[in-house]
Amino acid sequence: MNSARKSKLKLKQHPPRNPMVVPARQRKAGSHRRTKKSERQAQQRALRKALQA
């Protein structure tokens, strides 16, 4: 009889994940500054404007 019984597999449960982390990581949650690319573009526009005036 003992050999016919099925043994149950016990899995270790992990603690629940923080639901606020995923949206924050997807938004990149960084500093509120212009990117370097946008700063370069602004400098180029300002230079072209100064050369035309």
C-alpha atoms as a PDB file:
ATOM      1  CA  MET A   1       0.000   0.000   0.000  1.00  0.00           C
ATOM      2  CA  ASN A   2       2.756   2.457   0.809  1.00  0.00           C
ATOM      3  CA  SER A   3       4.301   2.268  -2.640  1.00  0.00           C
ATOM      4  CA  ALA A   4       0.963   3.173  -4.254  1.00  0.00           C
ATOM      5  CA  ARG A   5       0.616   6.451  -2.337  1.00  0.00           C
ATOM      6  CA  LYS A   6       1.645   9.637  -4.091  1.00  0.00           C
ATOM      7  CA  SER A   7       4.013  11.953  -2.314  1.00  0.00           C
ATOM      8  CA  LYS A   8       3.263  15.671  -2.388  1.00  0.00           C
ATOM      9  CA  LEU A   9       5.927  18.070  -3.577  1.00  0.00           C
ATOM     10  CA  LYS A  10       6.310  21.080  -1.296  1.00  0.00           C
ATOM     11  CA  LEU A  11       7.392  24.303  -2.986  1.00  0.00           C
ATOM     12  CA  LYS A  12       8.883  27.229  -1.132  1.00  0.00           C
ATOM     13  CA  GLN A  13       6.616  30.283  -1.383  1.00  0.00           C
ATOM     14  CA  HIS A  14       8.215  33.628  -2.163  1.00  0.00           C
ATOM     15  CA  PRO A  15       6.925  36.811  -0.550  1.00  0.00           C
ATOM     16  CA  PRO A  16       4.533  38.838  -2.749  1.00  0.00           C
ATOM     17  CA  ARG A  17       6.141  41.385  -5.041  1.00  0.00           C
ATOM     18  CA  ASN A  18       5.681  45.107  -4.586  1.00  0.00           C
ATOM     19  CA  PRO A  19       3.062  46.157  -7.196  1.00  0.00           C
ATOM     20  CA  MET A  20       4.418  49.731  -7.354  1.00  0.00           C
ATOM     21  CA  VAL A  21       7.892  48.765  -8.564  1.00  0.00           C
ATOM     22  CA  VAL A  22       6.950  47.638 -12.071  1.00  0.00           C
ATOM     23  CA  PRO A  23       5.227  50.894 -13.162  1.00  0.00           C
ATOM     24  CA  ALA A  24       8.068  52.944 -11.687  1.00  0.00           C
ATOM     25  CA  ARG A  25      10.672  50.958 -13.605  1.00  0.00           C
ATOM     26  CA  GLN A  26       8.686  51.182 -16.823  1.00  0.00           C
ATOM     27  CA  ARG A  27       8.572  54.979 -16.501  1.00  0.00           C
ATOM     28  CA  LYS A  28      12.325  54.926 -15.945  1.00  0.00           C
ATOM     29  CA  ALA A  29      11.627  57.024 -12.815  1.00  0.00           C
ATOM     30  CA  GLY A  30      14.618  59.289 -13.412  1.00  0.00           C
ATOM     31  CA  SER A  31      15.539  62.902 -12.860  1.00  0.00           C
ATOM     32  CA  HIS A  32      13.305  65.660 -14.190  1.00  0.00           C
ATOM     33  CA  ARG A  33      15.895  67.224 -16.449  1.00  0.00           C
ATOM     34  CA  ARG A  34      16.188  67.588 -20.168  1.00  0.00           C
ATOM     35  CA  THR A  35      18.076  64.830 -21.899  1.00  0.00           C
ATOM     36  CA  LYS A  36      21.496  65.568 -23.338  1.00  0.00           C
ATOM     37  CA  LYS A  37      20.067  65.104 -26.815  1.00  0.00           C
ATOM     38  CA  SER A  38      17.411  67.766 -26.277  1.00  0.00           C
ATOM     39  CA  GLU A  39      20.003  70.140 -24.796  1.00  0.00           C
ATOM     40  CA  ARG A  40      22.220  69.705 -27.882  1.00  0.00           C
ATOM     41  CA  GLN A  41      19.259  70.368 -30.165  1.00  0.00           C
ATOM     42  CA  ALA A  42      18.370  73.510 -28.209  1.00  0.00           C
ATOM     43  CA  GLN A  43      21.962  74.739 -28.487  1.00  0.00           C
ATOM     44  CA  GLN A  44      21.959  74.103 -32.242  1.00  0.00           C
ATOM     45  CA  ARG A  45      18.687  76.030 -32.637  1.00  0.00           C
ATOM     46  CA  ALA A  46      20.048  78.919 -30.560  1.00  0.00           C
ATOM     47  CA  LEU A  47      23.231  79.000 -32.661  1.00  0.00           C
ATOM     48  CA  ARG A  48      21.298  79.026 -35.942  1.00  0.00           C
ATOM     49  CA  LYS A  49      19.031  81.765 -34.605  1.00  0.00           C
ATOM     50  CA  ALA A  50      22.056  83.841 -33.498  1.00  0.00           C
ATOM     51  CA  LEU A  51      23.775  83.432 -36.887  1.00  0.00           C
ATOM     52  CA  GLN A  52      20.661  84.515 -38.803  1.00  0.00           C
ATOM     53  CA  ALA A  53      20.115  87.647 -36.686  1.00  0.00           C
END
